[in-house]
Amino acid sequence: MTDKERNRATDQERNRATDQERNRATDQKRNRATDQKQNRATATDQQRHGAAEHKRRAVGRPAGSAKSSGGHSQSLVRGLTILEGLAAAPDGLALSDIAEDVDLAPSTTHRLLQALFQQGFITQDVESGLWKIDVKTFRIGNSFLEARDFVATARPFLRRLTATTGETANLGIRDDGMVVYLAQSESKQMMRMITRLGSRAPLHASGVGKALLAWMPPQEFEQIVAGRTLEGETPNTLTDVGRLREQLAEIRRQGYAVDREEHAIGLNCVAATLHDESGLPLAAISVSGPVARIDDSRLPELAALVAETAREITAKIGGKTPTEPPA
């Protein structure tokens, strides 16, 4: 091989080495870029996953739940206590009376009242300064009636009772030892019985109440009368537990309860029970009016009508009218 050929071969070999080194450097650069891109993608995925996990954990958690809620819960309980007190006083209450009821300083009570006022739950009479329930509280309370189908189902039956008898028909439920009236069909008579919706009456001193007590499981009845004095609403109210038990047994036998001026002088009432699917007392309906129109001679006729209507409503709501006293 000549020197010229030898030099050319050396140059070609050197060029190949240079090209290989250049290609190797390019590959390394490309690999580093790919690794960096993958690392960035991985970091982004981790951030996205972390955010999603945080969001999942936060779902359903009340705002500020990481903070202590004891103070907020206490304020809520106090506010609800105030609402309960105002609901039981339709004419309104003064600040001093409310503060005494919730056992708080007037300044603290006033702050709670202002919070309820700003949310539309209560209002204050400008002239008297008395605090009263406002329309928003009524709307919330009324949602209870809408959620309980038996109230809506019973309304046309109450109107039918009024049309048939000419007297006021009511529907009430039990709340501890009291009856709470939820629905009414008002008589058109000049003299008539009117009960404000949401008002209460003692179970033992009302037709609706005794109809509910009669079909109550014995242990529940005993819990209600245990340690409780049966107050006399009128001279005719049953205040002896033994006599009340005897009358409840008679109510179960005949299928209806009678209030002969036991809740109010001059007012008689006939009531019967609505039962749920287990045969337990769900509510009771009644027909009430002045003694001058609902006297002893008319009671059997009204009793049969009210008892039959109660059975119709019970069947309509999927309930079961029992034939035996509750176990």
C-alpha atoms as a PDB file:
ATOM      1  CA  MET A   1       0.000   0.000   0.000  1.00  0.00           C
ATOM      2  CA  THR A   2       1.356   3.419  -0.885  1.00  0.00           C
ATOM      3  CA  ASP A   3       1.724   6.191   1.639  1.00  0.00           C
ATOM      4  CA  LYS A   4      -1.144   8.056  -0.006  1.00  0.00           C
ATOM      5  CA  GLU A   5      -3.482   5.118   0.319  1.00  0.00           C
ATOM      6  CA  ARG A   6      -2.325   4.506   3.890  1.00  0.00           C
ATOM      7  CA  ASN A   7      -3.060   8.157   4.827  1.00  0.00           C
ATOM      8  CA  ARG A   8      -6.506   7.971   3.242  1.00  0.00           C
ATOM      9  CA  ALA A   9      -7.378   4.859   5.217  1.00  0.00           C
ATOM     10  CA  THR A  10      -6.208   6.512   8.439  1.00  0.00           C
ATOM     11  CA  ASP A  11      -8.359   9.602   7.740  1.00  0.00           C
ATOM     12  CA  GLN A  12     -11.399   7.421   7.037  1.00  0.00           C
ATOM     13  CA  GLU A  13     -10.886   5.524  10.289  1.00  0.00           C
ATOM     14  CA  ARG A  14     -10.480   8.774  12.230  1.00  0.00           C
ATOM     15  CA  ASN A  15     -13.675  10.178  10.641  1.00  0.00           C
ATOM     16  CA  ARG A  16     -15.629   7.043  11.585  1.00  0.00           C
ATOM     17  CA  ALA A  17     -14.441   7.350  15.172  1.00  0.00           C
ATOM     18  CA  THR A  18     -15.455  11.000  15.229  1.00  0.00           C
ATOM     19  CA  ASP A  19     -18.902  10.186  13.783  1.00  0.00           C
ATOM     20  CA  GLN A  20     -19.424   7.424  16.355  1.00  0.00           C
ATOM     21  CA  GLU A  21     -18.469   9.765  19.199  1.00  0.00           C
ATOM     22  CA  ARG A  22     -20.788  12.442  17.829  1.00  0.00           C
ATOM     23  CA  ASN A  23     -23.661   9.946  17.506  1.00  0.00           C
ATOM     24  CA  ARG A  24     -23.023   8.667  21.000  1.00  0.00           C
ATOM     25  CA  ALA A  25     -23.158  12.200  22.394  1.00  0.00           C
ATOM     26  CA  THR A  26     -26.392  12.846  20.500  1.00  0.00           C
ATOM     27  CA  ASP A  27     -27.935   9.654  21.854  1.00  0.00           C
ATOM     28  CA  GLN A  28     -26.951  10.573  25.394  1.00  0.00           C
ATOM     29  CA  LYS A  29     -28.459  14.024  24.993  1.00  0.00           C
ATOM     30  CA  ARG A  30     -31.649  12.545  23.591  1.00  0.00           C
ATOM     31  CA  ASN A  31     -31.881  10.034  26.435  1.00  0.00           C
ATOM     32  CA  ARG A  32     -31.371  12.760  29.046  1.00  0.00           C
ATOM     33  CA  ALA A  33     -34.151  14.806  27.452  1.00  0.00           C
ATOM     34  CA  THR A  34     -36.461  11.764  27.450  1.00  0.00           C
ATOM     35  CA  ASP A  35     -35.668  11.001  31.081  1.00  0.00           C
ATOM     36  CA  GLN A  36     -36.360  14.594  32.082  1.00  0.00           C
ATOM     37  CA  LYS A  37     -39.681  14.532  30.214  1.00  0.00           C
ATOM     38  CA  GLN A  38     -40.677  11.285  31.906  1.00  0.00           C
ATOM     39  CA  ASN A  39     -39.693  12.664  35.306  1.00  0.00           C
ATOM     40  CA  ARG A  40     -41.802  15.754  34.728  1.00  0.00           C
ATOM     41  CA  ALA A  41     -44.755  13.605  33.665  1.00  0.00           C
ATOM     42  CA  THR A  42     -44.336  11.442  36.744  1.00  0.00           C
ATOM     43  CA  ALA A  43     -44.241  14.496  39.014  1.00  0.00           C
ATOM     44  CA  THR A  44     -47.360  15.879  37.346  1.00  0.00           C
ATOM     45  CA  ASP A  45     -49.175  12.567  37.808  1.00  0.00           C
ATOM     46  CA  GLN A  46     -48.189  12.490  41.459  1.00  0.00           C
ATOM     47  CA  GLN A  47     -49.456  16.018  41.972  1.00  0.00           C
ATOM     48  CA  ARG A  48     -52.701  15.210  40.177  1.00  0.00           C
ATOM     49  CA  HIS A  49     -53.159  12.012  42.188  1.00  0.00           C
ATOM     50  CA  GLY A  50     -52.453  13.857  45.415  1.00  0.00           C
ATOM     51  CA  ALA A  51     -55.008  16.530  44.580  1.00  0.00           C
ATOM     52  CA  ALA A  52     -57.614  13.903  43.670  1.00  0.00           C
ATOM     53  CA  GLU A  53     -56.963  11.993  46.875  1.00  0.00           C
ATOM     54  CA  HIS A  54     -57.303  15.180  48.898  1.00  0.00           C
ATOM     55  CA  LYS A  55     -60.576  15.951  47.143  1.00  0.00           C
ATOM     56  CA  ARG A  56     -61.914  12.452  47.825  1.00  0.00           C
ATOM     57  CA  ARG A  57     -61.064  12.735  51.475  1.00  0.00           C
ATOM     58  CA  ALA A  58     -62.727  16.127  51.681  1.00  0.00           C
ATOM     59  CA  VAL A  59     -66.031  14.974  50.178  1.00  0.00           C
ATOM     60  CA  GLY A  60     -68.756  15.014  52.836  1.00  0.00           C
ATOM     61  CA  ARG A  61     -66.555  16.709  55.399  1.00  0.00           C
ATOM     62  CA  PRO A  62     -68.102  19.874  56.815  1.00  0.00           C
ATOM     63  CA  ALA A  63     -66.222  23.080  56.214  1.00  0.00           C
ATOM     64  CA  GLY A  64     -63.869  23.820  59.046  1.00  0.00           C
ATOM     65  CA  SER A  65     -64.144  20.312  60.438  1.00  0.00           C
ATOM     66  CA  ALA A  66     -60.445  20.317  61.220  1.00  0.00           C
ATOM     67  CA  LYS A  67     -61.180  23.009  63.753  1.00  0.00           C
ATOM     68  CA  SER A  68     -62.821  22.411  67.063  1.00  0.00           C
ATOM     69  CA  SER A  69     -66.594  22.687  66.631  1.00  0.00           C
ATOM     70  CA  GLY A  70     -67.566  22.607  70.273  1.00  0.00           C
ATOM     71  CA  GLY A  71     -68.344  26.314  70.436  1.00  0.00           C
ATOM     72  CA  HIS A  72     -70.330  26.227  67.208  1.00  0.00           C
ATOM     73  CA  SER A  73     -72.337  23.200  68.396  1.00  0.00           C
ATOM     74  CA  GLN A  74     -73.122  24.899  71.676  1.00  0.00           C
ATOM     75  CA  SER A  75     -74.345  28.011  69.878  1.00  0.00           C
ATOM     76  CA  LEU A  76     -76.468  25.861  67.576  1.00  0.00           C
ATOM     77  CA  VAL A  77     -78.076  24.058  70.500  1.00  0.00           C
ATOM     78  CA  ARG A  78     -78.780  27.357  72.234  1.00  0.00           C
ATOM     79  CA  GLY A  79     -80.276  28.799  69.057  1.00  0.00           C
ATOM     80  CA  LEU A  80     -82.533  25.783  68.591  1.00  0.00           C
ATOM     81  CA  THR A  81     -83.592  26.021  72.235  1.00  0.00           C
ATOM     82  CA  ILE A  82     -84.586  29.629  71.635  1.00  0.00           C
ATOM     83  CA  LEU A  83     -86.623  28.604  68.573  1.00  0.00           C
ATOM     84  CA  GLU A  84     -88.413  25.923  70.592  1.00  0.00           C
ATOM     85  CA  GLY A  85     -89.273  28.439  73.286  1.00  0.00           C
ATOM     86  CA  LEU A  86     -90.597  30.977  70.775  1.00  0.00           C
ATOM     87  CA  ALA A  87     -92.600  28.288  68.973  1.00  0.00           C
ATOM     88  CA  ALA A  88     -94.398  27.568  72.250  1.00  0.00           C
ATOM     89  CA  ALA A  89     -95.186  31.280  72.769  1.00  0.00           C
ATOM     90  CA  PRO A  90     -97.215  32.554  69.772  1.00  0.00           C
ATOM     91  CA  ASP A  91     -97.609  35.982  71.401  1.00  0.00           C
ATOM     92  CA  GLY A  92     -93.835  36.393  71.602  1.00  0.00           C
ATOM     93  CA  LEU A  93     -91.250  36.620  74.381  1.00  0.00           C
ATOM     94  CA  ALA A  94     -89.142  39.444  75.787  1.00  0.00           C
ATOM     95  CA  LEU A  95     -85.356  39.262  75.775  1.00  0.00           C
ATOM     96  CA  SER A  96     -85.276  38.791  79.546  1.00  0.00           C
ATOM     97  CA  ASP A  97     -87.676  35.825  79.377  1.00  0.00           C
ATOM     98  CA  ILE A  98     -85.674  34.157  76.613  1.00  0.00           C
ATOM     99  CA  ALA A  99     -82.400  34.679  78.467  1.00  0.00           C
ATOM    100  CA  GLU A 100     -83.909  33.079  81.549  1.00  0.00           C
ATOM    101  CA  ASP A 101     -85.215  30.103  79.546  1.00  0.00           C
ATOM    102  CA  VAL A 102     -81.798  29.335  78.019  1.00  0.00           C
ATOM    103  CA  ASP A 103     -79.911  30.317  81.172  1.00  0.00           C
ATOM    104  CA  LEU A 104     -77.676  32.847  79.416  1.00  0.00           C
ATOM    105  CA  ALA A 105     -76.697  36.442  79.950  1.00  0.00           C
ATOM    106  CA  PRO A 106     -78.961  38.904  78.105  1.00  0.00           C
ATOM    107  CA  SER A 107     -76.014  40.088  75.990  1.00  0.00           C
ATOM    108  CA  THR A 108     -75.250  36.539  74.797  1.00  0.00           C
ATOM    109  CA  THR A 109     -78.931  35.844  74.220  1.00  0.00           C
ATOM    110  CA  HIS A 110     -79.247  39.035  72.177  1.00  0.00           C
ATOM    111  CA  ARG A 111     -76.368  37.973  69.911  1.00  0.00           C
ATOM    112  CA  LEU A 112     -78.096  34.647  69.256  1.00  0.00           C
ATOM    113  CA  LEU A 113     -81.386  36.403  68.580  1.00  0.00           C
ATOM    114  CA  GLN A 114     -79.693  38.709  66.105  1.00  0.00           C
ATOM    115  CA  ALA A 115     -78.162  35.741  64.280  1.00  0.00           C
ATOM    116  CA  LEU A 116     -81.564  34.033  64.029  1.00  0.00           C
ATOM    117  CA  PHE A 117     -83.145  37.329  62.955  1.00  0.00           C
ATOM    118  CA  GLN A 118     -80.607  37.882  60.188  1.00  0.00           C
ATOM    119  CA  GLN A 119     -81.293  34.389  58.847  1.00  0.00           C
ATOM    120  CA  GLY A 120     -85.041  35.048  58.799  1.00  0.00           C
ATOM    121  CA  PHE A 121     -86.023  32.524  61.476  1.00  0.00           C
ATOM    122  CA  ILE A 122     -87.429  35.053  63.950  1.00  0.00           C
ATOM    123  CA  THR A 123     -88.710  38.610  63.966  1.00  0.00           C
ATOM    124  CA  GLN A 124     -89.135  41.356  66.548  1.00  0.00           C
ATOM    125  CA  ASP A 125     -92.255  43.404  67.089  1.00  0.00           C
ATOM    126  CA  VAL A 126     -91.239  47.036  66.696  1.00  0.00           C
ATOM    127  CA  GLU A 127     -93.698  48.377  69.275  1.00  0.00           C
ATOM    128  CA  SER A 128     -93.563  45.744  72.010  1.00  0.00           C
ATOM    129  CA  GLY A 129     -89.997  44.541  71.437  1.00  0.00           C
ATOM    130  CA  LEU A 130     -91.164  40.939  71.736  1.00  0.00           C
ATOM    131  CA  TRP A 131     -89.445  38.247  69.669  1.00  0.00           C
ATOM    132  CA  LYS A 132     -91.569  35.859  67.598  1.00  0.00           C
ATOM    133  CA  ILE A 133     -91.202  33.016  65.112  1.00  0.00           C
ATOM    134  CA  ASP A 134     -90.908  34.229  61.503  1.00  0.00           C
ATOM    135  CA  VAL A 135     -92.038  32.696  58.221  1.00  0.00           C
ATOM    136  CA  LYS A 136     -88.785  30.823  57.487  1.00  0.00           C
ATOM    137  CA  THR A 137     -89.230  28.704  60.603  1.00  0.00           C
ATOM    138  CA  PHE A 138     -92.786  27.948  59.517  1.00  0.00           C
ATOM    139  CA  ARG A 139     -91.581  26.810  56.087  1.00  0.00           C
ATOM    140  CA  ILE A 140     -89.026  24.456  57.651  1.00  0.00           C
ATOM    141  CA  GLY A 141     -91.593  23.076  60.066  1.00  0.00           C
ATOM    142  CA  ASN A 142     -94.124  22.694  57.277  1.00  0.00           C
ATOM    143  CA  SER A 143     -91.688  20.471  55.374  1.00  0.00           C
ATOM    144  CA  PHE A 144     -92.350  17.870  58.082  1.00  0.00           C
ATOM    145  CA  LEU A 145     -95.977  17.753  56.997  1.00  0.00           C
ATOM    146  CA  GLU A 146     -94.993  17.394  53.357  1.00  0.00           C
ATOM    147  CA  ALA A 147     -92.597  14.568  54.168  1.00  0.00           C
ATOM    148  CA  ARG A 148     -95.198  12.598  56.146  1.00  0.00           C
ATOM    149  CA  ASP A 149     -97.657  11.266  53.587  1.00  0.00           C
ATOM    150  CA  PHE A 150    -100.321  10.420  56.154  1.00  0.00           C
ATOM    151  CA  VAL A 151    -100.994  14.109  56.802  1.00  0.00           C
ATOM    152  CA  ALA A 152    -101.649  14.864  53.133  1.00  0.00           C
ATOM    153  CA  THR A 153    -103.619  11.637  52.783  1.00  0.00           C
ATOM    154  CA  ALA A 154    -105.819  12.475  55.768  1.00  0.00           C
ATOM    155  CA  ARG A 155    -106.758  16.008  54.699  1.00  0.00           C
ATOM    156  CA  PRO A 156    -109.580  15.099  52.263  1.00  0.00           C
ATOM    157  CA  PHE A 157    -110.990  12.721  54.888  1.00  0.00           C
ATOM    158  CA  LEU A 158    -110.968  15.546  57.447  1.00  0.00           C
ATOM    159  CA  ARG A 159    -112.834  17.782  54.997  1.00  0.00           C
ATOM    160  CA  ARG A 160    -115.348  15.006  54.422  1.00  0.00           C
ATOM    161  CA  LEU A 161    -115.892  14.643  58.173  1.00  0.00           C
ATOM    162  CA  THR A 162    -116.542  18.375  58.471  1.00  0.00           C
ATOM    163  CA  ALA A 163    -118.945  18.337  55.519  1.00  0.00           C
ATOM    164  CA  THR A 164    -120.813  15.362  56.997  1.00  0.00           C
ATOM    165  CA  THR A 165    -120.941  16.458  60.631  1.00  0.00           C
ATOM    166  CA  GLY A 166    -120.725  20.238  60.371  1.00  0.00           C
ATOM    167  CA  GLU A 167    -118.009  20.162  63.049  1.00  0.00           C
ATOM    168  CA  THR A 168    -114.262  20.799  63.120  1.00  0.00           C
ATOM    169  CA  ALA A 169    -112.060  17.795  62.331  1.00  0.00           C
ATOM    170  CA  ASN A 170    -108.454  17.536  63.535  1.00  0.00           C
ATOM    171  CA  LEU A 171    -105.381  15.343  63.161  1.00  0.00           C
ATOM    172  CA  GLY A 172    -102.702  15.115  65.841  1.00  0.00           C
ATOM    173  CA  ILE A 173     -99.601  13.133  66.722  1.00  0.00           C
ATOM    174  CA  ARG A 174     -97.805  12.327  69.966  1.00  0.00           C
ATOM    175  CA  ASP A 175     -94.761  14.269  71.117  1.00  0.00           C
ATOM    176  CA  ASP A 176     -93.656  12.791  74.438  1.00  0.00           C
ATOM    177  CA  GLY A 177     -96.576  13.410  76.836  1.00  0.00           C
ATOM    178  CA  MET A 178     -98.385  15.846  74.568  1.00  0.00           C
ATOM    179  CA  VAL A 179    -100.547  15.918  71.457  1.00  0.00           C
ATOM    180  CA  VAL A 180     -99.406  18.195  68.619  1.00  0.00           C
ATOM    181  CA  TYR A 181    -102.107  19.180  66.103  1.00  0.00           C
ATOM    182  CA  LEU A 182    -100.910  19.048  62.488  1.00  0.00           C
ATOM    183  CA  ALA A 183    -104.024  19.425  60.342  1.00  0.00           C
ATOM    184  CA  GLN A 184    -107.548  20.758  60.659  1.00  0.00           C
ATOM    185  CA  SER A 185    -110.765  21.137  58.691  1.00  0.00           C
ATOM    186  CA  GLU A 186    -112.642  24.018  60.262  1.00  0.00           C
ATOM    187  CA  SER A 187    -116.373  24.066  60.872  1.00  0.00           C
ATOM    188  CA  LYS A 188    -118.433  26.804  59.241  1.00  0.00           C
ATOM    189  CA  GLN A 189    -120.666  27.121  62.312  1.00  0.00           C
ATOM    190  CA  MET A 190    -120.712  30.382  64.247  1.00  0.00           C
ATOM    191  CA  MET A 191    -119.781  28.495  67.434  1.00  0.00           C
ATOM    192  CA  ARG A 192    -116.993  26.090  66.603  1.00  0.00           C
ATOM    193  CA  MET A 193    -113.831  24.508  67.908  1.00  0.00           C
ATOM    194  CA  ILE A 194    -110.605  26.010  66.501  1.00  0.00           C
ATOM    195  CA  THR A 195    -107.149  24.639  67.300  1.00  0.00           C
ATOM    196  CA  ARG A 196    -104.033  26.475  66.158  1.00  0.00           C
ATOM    197  CA  LEU A 197    -101.828  24.155  64.114  1.00  0.00           C
ATOM    198  CA  GLY A 198     -98.771  23.274  66.139  1.00  0.00           C
ATOM    199  CA  SER A 199    -100.596  23.774  69.424  1.00  0.00           C
ATOM    200  CA  ARG A 200    -100.409  21.133  72.127  1.00  0.00           C
ATOM    201  CA  ALA A 201    -102.672  19.363  74.582  1.00  0.00           C
ATOM    202  CA  PRO A 202    -101.925  16.754  77.260  1.00  0.00           C
ATOM    203  CA  LEU A 203    -102.340  13.170  76.081  1.00  0.00           C
ATOM    204  CA  HIS A 204    -104.485  12.222  79.063  1.00  0.00           C
ATOM    205  CA  ALA A 205    -106.781  15.247  78.714  1.00  0.00           C
ATOM    206  CA  SER A 206    -107.805  15.074  75.040  1.00  0.00           C
ATOM    207  CA  GLY A 207    -109.675  12.726  72.753  1.00  0.00           C
ATOM    208  CA  VAL A 208    -106.801  12.520  70.283  1.00  0.00           C
ATOM    209  CA  GLY A 209    -104.353  11.923  73.128  1.00  0.00           C
ATOM    210  CA  LYS A 210    -106.350   9.113  74.708  1.00  0.00           C
ATOM    211  CA  ALA A 211    -106.835   7.458  71.305  1.00  0.00           C
ATOM    212  CA  LEU A 212    -103.036   7.425  70.943  1.00  0.00           C
ATOM    213  CA  LEU A 213    -102.408   6.227  74.502  1.00  0.00           C
ATOM    214  CA  ALA A 214    -104.873   3.352  74.121  1.00  0.00           C
ATOM    215  CA  TRP A 215    -102.875   1.615  71.395  1.00  0.00           C
ATOM    216  CA  MET A 216     -99.443   2.458  72.693  1.00  0.00           C
ATOM    217  CA  PRO A 217     -97.219  -0.463  73.825  1.00  0.00           C
ATOM    218  CA  PRO A 218     -97.509  -0.806  77.620  1.00  0.00           C
ATOM    219  CA  GLN A 219     -93.854   0.021  78.266  1.00  0.00           C
ATOM    220  CA  GLU A 220     -94.196   3.314  76.393  1.00  0.00           C
ATOM    221  CA  PHE A 221     -97.328   4.187  78.344  1.00  0.00           C
ATOM    222  CA  GLU A 222     -95.557   3.470  81.616  1.00  0.00           C
ATOM    223  CA  GLN A 223     -92.619   5.668  80.602  1.00  0.00           C
ATOM    224  CA  ILE A 224     -95.006   8.547  79.908  1.00  0.00           C
ATOM    225  CA  VAL A 225     -96.919   8.337  83.200  1.00  0.00           C
ATOM    226  CA  ALA A 226     -93.931   7.396  85.385  1.00  0.00           C
ATOM    227  CA  GLY A 227     -93.086  10.239  87.714  1.00  0.00           C
ATOM    228  CA  ARG A 228     -95.534  12.551  85.930  1.00  0.00           C
ATOM    229  CA  THR A 229     -98.474  14.271  87.574  1.00  0.00           C
ATOM    230  CA  LEU A 230    -101.612  14.098  85.458  1.00  0.00           C
ATOM    231  CA  GLU A 231    -102.736  17.701  85.630  1.00  0.00           C
ATOM    232  CA  GLY A 232    -106.427  18.521  85.562  1.00  0.00           C
ATOM    233  CA  GLU A 233    -107.222  20.774  82.622  1.00  0.00           C
ATOM    234  CA  THR A 234    -110.837  20.926  83.804  1.00  0.00           C
ATOM    235  CA  PRO A 235    -112.763  19.294  86.691  1.00  0.00           C
ATOM    236  CA  ASN A 236    -113.606  16.463  84.256  1.00  0.00           C
ATOM    237  CA  THR A 237    -109.995  15.534  83.409  1.00  0.00           C
ATOM    238  CA  LEU A 238    -108.854  12.064  84.439  1.00  0.00           C
ATOM    239  CA  THR A 239    -105.956  12.581  86.838  1.00  0.00           C
ATOM    240  CA  ASP A 240    -105.786   9.089  88.334  1.00  0.00           C
ATOM    241  CA  VAL A 241    -103.529   6.672  86.417  1.00  0.00           C
ATOM    242  CA  GLY A 242    -105.582   3.650  87.450  1.00  0.00           C
ATOM    243  CA  ARG A 243    -108.821   5.133  86.127  1.00  0.00           C
ATOM    244  CA  LEU A 244    -107.001   6.238  82.978  1.00  0.00           C
ATOM    245  CA  ARG A 245    -105.826   2.660  82.367  1.00  0.00           C
ATOM    246  CA  GLU A 246    -109.416   1.418  82.699  1.00  0.00           C
ATOM    247  CA  GLN A 247    -110.657   3.995  80.203  1.00  0.00           C
ATOM    248  CA  LEU A 248    -107.895   3.128  77.710  1.00  0.00           C
ATOM    249  CA  ALA A 249    -108.944  -0.533  77.845  1.00  0.00           C
ATOM    250  CA  GLU A 250    -112.509   0.565  77.040  1.00  0.00           C
ATOM    251  CA  ILE A 251    -111.216   2.699  74.127  1.00  0.00           C
ATOM    252  CA  ARG A 252    -109.476  -0.348  72.656  1.00  0.00           C
ATOM    253  CA  ARG A 253    -112.673  -2.414  72.951  1.00  0.00           C
ATOM    254  CA  GLN A 254    -114.973   0.157  71.350  1.00  0.00           C
ATOM    255  CA  GLY A 255    -112.488   1.569  68.804  1.00  0.00           C
ATOM    256  CA  TYR A 256    -112.760   5.261  69.672  1.00  0.00           C
ATOM    257  CA  ALA A 257    -112.079   7.752  72.478  1.00  0.00           C
ATOM    258  CA  VAL A 258    -114.390  10.399  73.913  1.00  0.00           C
ATOM    259  CA  ASP A 259    -113.404  13.674  75.544  1.00  0.00           C
ATOM    260  CA  ARG A 260    -116.342  15.019  77.554  1.00  0.00           C
ATOM    261  CA  GLU A 261    -115.224  18.524  78.495  1.00  0.00           C
ATOM    262  CA  GLU A 262    -111.912  17.107  79.732  1.00  0.00           C
ATOM    263  CA  HIS A 263    -109.727  19.544  77.827  1.00  0.00           C
ATOM    264  CA  ALA A 264    -112.057  22.557  77.733  1.00  0.00           C
ATOM    265  CA  ILE A 265    -115.384  23.240  79.398  1.00  0.00           C
ATOM    266  CA  GLY A 266    -118.215  23.332  76.879  1.00  0.00           C
ATOM    267  CA  LEU A 267    -116.343  21.220  74.305  1.00  0.00           C
ATOM    268  CA  ASN A 268    -116.873  17.546  73.462  1.00  0.00           C
ATOM    269  CA  CYS A 269    -114.729  15.434  71.163  1.00  0.00           C
ATOM    270  CA  VAL A 270    -114.683  11.981  69.559  1.00  0.00           C
ATOM    271  CA  ALA A 271    -111.351  10.555  68.289  1.00  0.00           C
ATOM    272  CA  ALA A 272    -109.929   7.409  66.685  1.00  0.00           C
ATOM    273  CA  THR A 273    -106.432   6.163  65.923  1.00  0.00           C
ATOM    274  CA  LEU A 274    -104.497   5.904  62.669  1.00  0.00           C
ATOM    275  CA  HIS A 275    -102.141   2.922  62.698  1.00  0.00           C
ATOM    276  CA  ASP A 276     -98.892   2.248  60.860  1.00  0.00           C
ATOM    277  CA  GLU A 277     -97.931  -0.965  59.059  1.00  0.00           C
ATOM    278  CA  SER A 278     -97.117  -2.623  62.405  1.00  0.00           C
ATOM    279  CA  GLY A 279    -100.443  -1.687  63.955  1.00  0.00           C
ATOM    280  CA  LEU A 280     -98.854   0.910  66.248  1.00  0.00           C
ATOM    281  CA  PRO A 281    -100.465   4.338  66.748  1.00  0.00           C
ATOM    282  CA  LEU A 282     -99.222   6.797  64.153  1.00  0.00           C
ATOM    283  CA  ALA A 283    -101.697   9.668  64.653  1.00  0.00           C
ATOM    284  CA  ALA A 284    -105.335  10.225  65.590  1.00  0.00           C
ATOM    285  CA  ILE A 285    -108.237  12.140  64.092  1.00  0.00           C
ATOM    286  CA  SER A 286    -111.137  13.763  65.908  1.00  0.00           C
ATOM    287  CA  VAL A 287    -114.380  15.650  65.506  1.00  0.00           C
ATOM    288  CA  SER A 288    -114.908  18.380  68.091  1.00  0.00           C
ATOM    289  CA  GLY A 289    -117.604  20.912  68.808  1.00  0.00           C
ATOM    290  CA  PRO A 290    -119.665  22.589  71.494  1.00  0.00           C
ATOM    291  CA  VAL A 291    -121.646  20.441  73.930  1.00  0.00           C
ATOM    292  CA  ALA A 292    -124.810  22.118  72.657  1.00  0.00           C
ATOM    293  CA  ARG A 293    -124.389  20.275  69.333  1.00  0.00           C
ATOM    294  CA  ILE A 294    -122.282  17.250  70.351  1.00  0.00           C
ATOM    295  CA  ASP A 295    -124.224  15.893  73.305  1.00  0.00           C
ATOM    296  CA  ASP A 296    -124.460  12.340  74.642  1.00  0.00           C
ATOM    297  CA  SER A 297    -127.258  11.463  72.216  1.00  0.00           C
ATOM    298  CA  ARG A 298    -125.078  12.344  69.206  1.00  0.00           C
ATOM    299  CA  LEU A 299    -121.820  10.801  70.422  1.00  0.00           C
ATOM    300  CA  PRO A 300    -122.494   7.213  69.176  1.00  0.00           C
ATOM    301  CA  GLU A 301    -123.270   8.444  65.655  1.00  0.00           C
ATOM    302  CA  LEU A 302    -120.113  10.570  65.493  1.00  0.00           C
ATOM    303  CA  ALA A 303    -118.024   7.839  67.109  1.00  0.00           C
ATOM    304  CA  ALA A 304    -118.976   5.306  64.426  1.00  0.00           C
ATOM    305  CA  LEU A 305    -118.236   7.829  61.676  1.00  0.00           C
ATOM    306  CA  VAL A 306    -114.835   8.856  63.077  1.00  0.00           C
ATOM    307  CA  ALA A 307    -113.784   5.248  63.766  1.00  0.00           C
ATOM    308  CA  GLU A 308    -114.693   4.174  60.220  1.00  0.00           C
ATOM    309  CA  THR A 309    -112.834   7.168  58.753  1.00  0.00           C
ATOM    310  CA  ALA A 310    -109.742   6.294  60.807  1.00  0.00           C
ATOM    311  CA  ARG A 311    -109.846   2.746  59.406  1.00  0.00           C
ATOM    312  CA  GLU A 312    -110.123   4.131  55.860  1.00  0.00           C
ATOM    313  CA  ILE A 313    -107.112   6.415  56.315  1.00  0.00           C
ATOM    314  CA  THR A 314    -105.116   3.612  57.935  1.00  0.00           C
ATOM    315  CA  ALA A 315    -105.788   1.367  54.931  1.00  0.00           C
ATOM    316  CA  LYS A 316    -104.982   4.205  52.525  1.00  0.00           C
ATOM    317  CA  ILE A 317    -101.517   4.750  54.027  1.00  0.00           C
ATOM    318  CA  GLY A 318    -100.710   1.052  54.137  1.00  0.00           C
ATOM    319  CA  GLY A 319    -101.330   0.678  57.851  1.00  0.00           C
ATOM    320  CA  LYS A 320    -103.005  -2.124  59.792  1.00  0.00           C
ATOM    321  CA  THR A 321    -105.845  -1.662  62.238  1.00  0.00           C
ATOM    322  CA  PRO A 322    -105.150  -4.089  65.130  1.00  0.00           C
ATOM    323  CA  THR A 323    -107.781  -6.291  66.734  1.00  0.00           C
ATOM    324  CA  GLU A 324    -105.802  -6.987  69.887  1.00  0.00           C
ATOM    325  CA  PRO A 325    -104.189  -4.640  72.413  1.00  0.00           C
ATOM    326  CA  PRO A 326    -100.480  -3.911  71.786  1.00  0.00           C
ATOM    327  CA  ALA A 327     -98.018  -6.405  73.247  1.00  0.00           C
END
